[in-house]
């Protein structure tokens, strides 16, 4: 019994007063001893399988942690709850968590959101809480907070350097598909005056820095190709000897239908000219530069082998 009480105390001390039944079982506490503590009133059920130590009063942090434990593996504080955790200008609210789309979770007094995609780069641990990272939080926040209040939160986060414009463009580039809730509000907030007009050239410089680390022949920057159909194409970086061009596309998440058509036509001209073509946006270059470098390097090596 004493050991069981010590294990319970250990978990609740570092988890804002709450513990999951699964945690206690994994730590070797027998089921009947857990049930005894519940009947005795030492453990109070908050959610199915999640208990509060009776000596610990309710708090925002306790509710957050209880919701995360009840949400299961992969759950993260999100939306307004994550915004409050990150210190953004959002009022305190009920717990909100994000879980994978395959999980069916329904909890009293907790707002549960589901997503098909939760990348590790979109998750952070803050003060012991697993939560969506700041850029992802602002993207998700656009689904539940609209209009001027939302724009003010985004602007405040940028001004106070909680996020950078580049990180917001990156999360839009990576996740901001048309029809996805939150995409439109964040896009409009950025285009309303926060997108640096030099952001595409900044991305080109970032891509150039990434390609400098690629092993093999030295690339050429701003290489001009005359395609077989007469179109002139300028690549941000190119390996002419193996006919590989690489481009940065800084604002592809807000292009018009006309721009999209011209992009497709350009791609077809490059293909007909027997060139390989790789395109990267802020989502790749800002968030996963090493993966971009490895992909380009592998492509260079593959093309060199073919040419040999």
Protein backbone atom coordinates (compact mmCIF):
# COMPACT_ATOMS: atom_id res chain seq x y z
CA UNK A 1 0.00 0.00 0.00
CA UNK A 2 2.75 2.44 0.93
CA UNK A 3 4.49 1.87 -2.38
CA UNK A 4 1.23 2.45 -4.27
CA UNK A 5 0.68 5.72 -2.43
CA UNK A 6 4.25 6.79 -3.20
CA UNK A 7 3.79 6.08 -6.91
CA UNK A 8 0.50 8.03 -6.96
CA UNK A 9 2.16 10.94 -5.15
CA UNK A 10 5.09 10.89 -7.57
CA UNK A 11 2.87 11.13 -10.66
CA UNK A 12 0.48 13.75 -9.28
CA UNK A 13 3.34 15.91 -8.01
CA UNK A 14 4.79 16.33 -11.50
CA UNK A 15 1.51 16.28 -13.44
CA UNK A 16 -0.35 19.14 -11.80
CA UNK A 17 -2.27 16.83 -9.49
CA UNK A 18 -3.53 14.22 -11.97
CA UNK A 19 -2.58 10.71 -13.01
CA UNK A 20 -3.86 8.21 -15.57
CA UNK A 21 -4.87 4.70 -14.60
CA UNK A 22 -2.69 3.37 -17.41
CA UNK A 23 0.33 5.12 -15.87
CA UNK A 24 -0.25 3.55 -12.49
CA UNK A 25 -0.73 0.08 -13.98
CA UNK A 26 2.47 0.46 -16.01
CA UNK A 27 4.29 1.46 -12.81
CA UNK A 28 3.19 -1.78 -11.15
CA UNK A 29 0.28 -0.57 -9.02
CA UNK A 30 -2.34 -3.37 -8.89
CA UNK A 31 -5.84 -2.52 -10.20
CA UNK A 32 -7.50 -3.28 -6.86
CA UNK A 33 -5.29 -0.77 -5.04
CA UNK A 34 -6.21 1.93 -7.56
CA UNK A 35 -9.90 1.11 -7.05
CA UNK A 36 -9.39 1.20 -3.27
CA UNK A 37 -7.96 4.74 -3.49
CA UNK A 38 -10.89 5.82 -5.66
CA UNK A 39 -13.42 4.38 -3.18
CA UNK A 40 -11.56 5.99 -0.30
CA UNK A 41 -11.78 9.36 -2.01
CA UNK A 42 -8.03 9.84 -2.34
CA UNK A 43 -8.37 9.72 -6.12
CA UNK A 44 -11.25 11.56 -7.80
CA UNK A 45 -12.26 10.73 -11.37
CA UNK A 46 -11.87 13.67 -13.76
CA UNK A 47 -12.22 11.76 -17.03
CA UNK A 48 -12.54 8.00 -17.64
CA UNK A 49 -9.25 6.53 -16.50
CA UNK A 50 -7.86 9.86 -15.28
CA UNK A 51 -7.84 10.86 -11.61
CA UNK A 52 -7.19 13.96 -9.54
CA UNK A 53 -5.47 13.69 -6.18
CA UNK A 54 -8.09 14.82 -3.66
CA UNK A 55 -5.61 17.12 -1.94
CA UNK A 56 -5.01 19.12 -5.14
CA UNK A 57 -7.56 21.84 -6.01
CA UNK A 58 -8.80 22.34 -9.57
CA UNK A 59 -6.75 24.72 -11.71
CA UNK A 60 -6.36 25.53 -15.38
CA UNK A 61 -3.16 23.49 -15.47
CA UNK A 62 -4.85 20.51 -13.84
CA UNK A 63 -7.67 20.57 -16.40
CA UNK A 64 -5.16 20.84 -19.25
CA UNK A 65 -3.11 17.88 -18.03
CA UNK A 66 -6.21 15.77 -17.36
CA UNK A 67 -7.43 16.44 -20.90
CA UNK A 68 -4.05 15.45 -22.37
CA UNK A 69 -3.93 12.22 -20.39
CA UNK A 70 -7.50 11.38 -21.39
CA UNK A 71 -6.71 12.19 -25.03
CA UNK A 72 -4.08 9.47 -25.11
CA UNK A 73 -0.79 9.15 -26.98
CA UNK A 74 -0.16 12.01 -29.37
CA UNK A 75 -2.70 14.39 -27.87
CA UNK A 76 -1.62 18.03 -27.67
CA UNK A 77 -3.12 21.21 -26.28
CA UNK A 78 -4.31 23.26 -29.22
CA UNK A 79 -6.30 26.25 -30.45
CA UNK A 80 -7.18 28.68 -27.62
CA UNK A 81 -5.69 26.55 -24.85
CA UNK A 82 -2.33 26.33 -26.65
CA UNK A 83 -2.47 30.05 -27.41
CA UNK A 84 -2.88 30.83 -23.70
CA UNK A 85 -0.04 28.43 -22.84
CA UNK A 86 2.23 30.21 -25.34
CA UNK A 87 1.38 33.61 -23.86
CA UNK A 88 -0.66 34.87 -26.79
CA UNK A 89 -3.37 37.51 -26.38
CA UNK A 90 -6.24 35.04 -25.98
CA UNK A 91 -8.60 34.73 -23.04
CA UNK A 92 -8.51 31.61 -20.91
CA UNK A 93 -11.01 29.02 -21.98
CA UNK A 94 -11.94 25.37 -21.49
CA UNK A 95 -9.29 22.78 -22.38
CA UNK A 96 -8.83 22.17 -26.10
CA UNK A 97 -6.80 19.28 -27.45
CA UNK A 98 -5.79 18.02 -30.88
CA UNK A 99 -5.72 14.28 -31.56
CA UNK A 100 -5.06 12.20 -34.65
CA UNK A 101 -8.02 11.77 -36.99
CA UNK A 102 -8.30 8.06 -36.26
CA UNK A 103 -8.94 8.57 -32.54
CA UNK A 104 -12.54 8.84 -31.37
CA UNK A 105 -12.35 10.91 -28.19
CA UNK A 106 -15.27 12.58 -26.41
CA UNK A 107 -14.65 14.24 -23.03
CA UNK A 108 -16.85 16.33 -20.77
CA UNK A 109 -15.85 20.01 -20.61
CA UNK A 110 -13.08 19.50 -23.19
CA UNK A 111 -13.13 20.60 -26.83
CA UNK A 112 -11.54 17.86 -28.94
CA UNK A 113 -10.26 18.58 -32.46
CA UNK A 114 -9.01 15.94 -34.87
CA UNK A 115 -6.38 16.23 -37.57
CA UNK A 116 -5.11 13.88 -40.26
CA UNK A 117 -1.65 15.35 -39.94
CA UNK A 118 0.31 16.24 -36.82
CA UNK A 119 4.01 16.55 -37.70
CA UNK A 120 6.61 16.53 -34.94
CA UNK A 121 7.70 20.00 -35.98
CA UNK A 122 4.18 21.16 -35.12
CA UNK A 123 4.45 19.97 -31.51
CA UNK A 124 6.30 21.53 -28.57
CA UNK A 125 6.56 20.77 -24.86
CA UNK A 126 5.93 23.93 -22.84
CA UNK A 127 6.06 23.89 -19.03
CA UNK A 128 5.55 20.14 -19.16
CA UNK A 129 2.53 20.29 -21.48
CA UNK A 130 2.55 18.79 -24.96
CA UNK A 131 1.04 21.46 -27.23
CA UNK A 132 0.91 22.59 -30.82
CA UNK A 133 3.90 24.77 -31.67
CA UNK A 134 3.27 28.50 -32.01
CA UNK A 135 2.89 28.69 -35.83
CA UNK A 136 0.58 25.67 -35.89
CA UNK A 137 -1.36 27.14 -32.97
CA UNK A 138 -2.04 30.34 -34.91
CA UNK A 139 -3.12 28.35 -37.95
CA UNK A 140 -5.56 26.31 -35.84
CA UNK A 141 -6.72 29.41 -33.99
CA UNK A 142 -8.06 30.80 -37.25
CA UNK A 143 -10.72 28.08 -37.17
CA UNK A 144 -12.21 29.23 -33.85
CA UNK A 145 -11.41 32.94 -33.67
CA UNK A 146 -12.40 35.14 -36.61
CA UNK A 147 -12.28 38.73 -37.80
CA UNK A 148 -10.41 41.55 -36.14
CA UNK A 149 -9.80 39.70 -32.83
CA UNK A 150 -7.92 36.99 -34.72
CA UNK A 151 -5.87 39.46 -36.77
CA UNK A 152 -4.92 41.26 -33.55
CA UNK A 153 -3.68 38.02 -31.99
CA UNK A 154 -1.52 37.27 -35.06
CA UNK A 155 -0.14 40.81 -35.16
CA UNK A 156 0.58 40.78 -31.43
CA UNK A 157 2.41 37.45 -31.70
CA UNK A 158 4.61 38.79 -34.52
CA UNK A 159 5.29 42.11 -32.79
CA UNK A 160 6.27 40.38 -29.53
CA UNK A 161 8.44 37.94 -31.51
CA UNK A 162 6.51 34.89 -30.36
CA UNK A 163 6.56 33.86 -34.04
CA UNK A 164 8.21 35.10 -37.22
CA UNK A 165 6.43 35.88 -40.45
CA UNK A 166 8.63 33.24 -42.09
CA UNK A 167 7.41 30.54 -39.69
CA UNK A 168 3.78 31.46 -40.41
CA UNK A 169 4.35 31.40 -44.16
CA UNK A 170 6.06 28.03 -43.70
CA UNK A 171 3.13 26.46 -41.85
CA UNK A 172 0.73 27.81 -44.47
CA UNK A 173 2.93 26.47 -47.25
CA UNK A 174 3.04 23.05 -45.62
CA UNK A 175 -0.50 22.67 -44.28
CA UNK A 176 -2.63 25.49 -45.65
CA UNK A 177 -4.63 23.71 -48.32
CA UNK A 178 -7.79 25.26 -49.70
CA UNK A 179 -10.83 24.36 -47.62
CA UNK A 180 -8.79 23.65 -44.49
CA UNK A 181 -10.22 25.57 -41.55
CA UNK A 182 -7.83 28.26 -40.37
CA UNK A 183 -6.04 28.62 -43.70
CA UNK A 184 -8.09 31.55 -45.01
CA UNK A 185 -7.94 33.69 -41.84
CA UNK A 186 -4.18 33.26 -41.44
CA UNK A 187 -3.54 33.92 -45.13
CA UNK A 188 -5.65 37.10 -44.98
CA UNK A 189 -3.95 38.24 -41.76
CA UNK A 190 -0.54 37.89 -43.39
CA UNK A 191 -1.51 39.47 -46.68
CA UNK A 192 -3.04 42.34 -44.74
CA UNK A 193 0.40 43.84 -44.29
CA UNK A 194 2.65 41.37 -42.53
CA UNK A 195 4.18 39.53 -45.47
CA UNK A 196 7.60 41.03 -46.14
CA UNK A 197 7.78 41.98 -49.86
CA UNK A 198 11.29 40.51 -49.94
CA UNK A 199 10.18 37.13 -48.56
CA UNK A 200 10.60 35.33 -51.88
CA UNK A 201 14.15 36.62 -52.26
CA UNK A 202 14.82 35.57 -48.65
CA UNK A 203 13.67 32.07 -49.55
CA UNK A 204 15.96 32.07 -52.59
CA UNK A 205 18.88 32.92 -50.32
CA UNK A 206 17.86 30.17 -47.91
CA UNK A 207 17.68 27.67 -50.77
CA UNK A 208 21.08 28.83 -52.03
CA UNK A 209 22.55 28.25 -48.57
CA UNK A 210 21.03 24.76 -48.48
CA UNK A 211 22.41 23.86 -51.91
CA UNK A 212 25.90 25.06 -50.94
CA UNK A 213 26.08 22.00 -48.70
CA UNK A 214 25.23 19.55 -51.48
CA UNK A 215 28.13 17.26 -52.38
CA UNK A 216 29.08 17.06 -56.03
CA UNK A 217 29.47 19.61 -58.82
CA UNK A 218 29.08 23.24 -57.82
CA UNK A 219 25.66 24.64 -58.78
CA UNK A 220 25.02 27.81 -60.76
CA UNK A 221 22.70 30.44 -59.34
CA UNK A 222 20.13 32.23 -61.52
CA UNK A 223 20.72 29.98 -64.51
CA UNK A 224 18.76 30.80 -67.68
CA UNK A 225 17.46 27.98 -69.89
CA UNK A 226 15.93 28.33 -73.34
CA UNK A 227 13.39 25.51 -73.54
CA UNK A 228 12.67 23.52 -76.73
CA UNK A 229 9.44 25.49 -77.20
CA UNK A 230 11.26 28.83 -77.01
CA UNK A 231 10.25 29.66 -73.44
CA UNK A 232 12.98 31.28 -71.33
CA UNK A 233 13.15 29.78 -67.84
CA UNK A 234 15.33 31.09 -65.04
CA UNK A 235 16.22 28.62 -62.26
CA UNK A 236 17.22 29.86 -58.83
CA UNK A 237 19.88 27.12 -58.71
CA UNK A 238 20.92 24.74 -61.49
CA UNK A 239 23.36 22.00 -62.44
CA UNK A 240 23.51 22.52 -66.24
CA UNK A 241 25.82 19.55 -66.91
CA UNK A 242 23.22 17.10 -65.59
CA UNK A 243 20.19 19.22 -66.56
CA UNK A 244 18.79 19.81 -63.08
CA UNK A 245 17.02 23.00 -62.04
CA UNK A 246 15.87 23.88 -58.52
CA UNK A 247 13.47 26.69 -57.65
CA UNK A 248 12.13 28.42 -54.55
CA UNK A 249 8.41 29.16 -54.50
CA UNK A 250 7.85 31.53 -51.63
CA UNK A 251 4.14 32.32 -51.78
CA UNK A 252 2.60 29.37 -53.56
CA UNK A 253 -0.19 29.19 -50.95
CA UNK A 254 -1.92 32.32 -52.29
CA UNK A 255 -1.33 32.18 -56.04
CA UNK A 256 -4.20 32.94 -58.42
CA UNK A 257 -5.65 30.48 -60.91
CA UNK A 258 -3.75 32.29 -63.67
CA UNK A 259 -0.48 32.00 -61.78
CA UNK A 260 -1.14 28.29 -61.19
CA UNK A 261 -1.77 27.75 -64.92
CA UNK A 262 1.45 29.56 -65.87
CA UNK A 263 3.36 27.49 -63.34
CA UNK A 264 2.04 24.27 -64.91
CA UNK A 265 2.90 25.51 -68.41
CA UNK A 266 6.43 26.38 -67.25
CA UNK A 267 6.83 22.92 -65.71
CA UNK A 268 5.75 21.26 -68.97
CA UNK A 269 8.28 23.33 -70.94
CA UNK A 270 11.05 22.21 -68.57
CA UNK A 271 9.98 18.57 -68.84
CA UNK A 272 9.86 18.69 -72.65
CA UNK A 273 13.39 20.07 -72.58
CA UNK A 274 14.53 16.89 -70.75
CA UNK A 275 15.43 18.74 -67.58
CA UNK A 276 14.69 17.55 -64.07
CA UNK A 277 13.03 20.15 -61.86
CA UNK A 278 12.66 20.41 -58.07
CA UNK A 279 10.57 23.10 -56.34
CA UNK A 280 10.64 23.94 -52.63
CA UNK A 281 8.62 26.38 -50.54
CA UNK A 282 9.03 27.86 -47.09
CA UNK A 283 7.47 24.76 -45.55
CA UNK A 284 10.41 22.61 -46.65
CA UNK A 285 13.32 25.08 -46.59
CA UNK A 286 12.42 26.70 -43.28
CA UNK A 287 11.20 23.64 -41.37
CA UNK A 288 13.23 20.75 -42.82
CA UNK A 289 16.34 22.14 -44.56
CA UNK A 290 18.38 18.98 -43.99
CA UNK A 291 15.74 16.86 -45.73
CA UNK A 292 15.76 19.29 -48.69
CA UNK A 293 19.53 19.13 -48.93
CA UNK A 294 19.50 15.31 -48.83
CA UNK A 295 16.84 15.09 -51.54
CA UNK A 296 18.70 17.48 -53.85
CA UNK A 297 21.98 15.68 -53.19
CA UNK A 298 20.43 12.31 -53.99
CA UNK A 299 18.94 13.68 -57.19
CA UNK A 300 22.33 15.09 -58.23
CA UNK A 301 24.00 11.73 -57.56
CA UNK A 302 21.32 9.83 -59.49
CA UNK A 303 21.67 12.12 -62.50
CA UNK A 304 25.46 11.89 -62.41
CA UNK A 305 25.22 8.08 -62.51
CA UNK A 306 22.89 8.21 -65.51
CA UNK A 307 25.24 10.56 -67.33
CA UNK A 308 28.30 8.40 -66.64
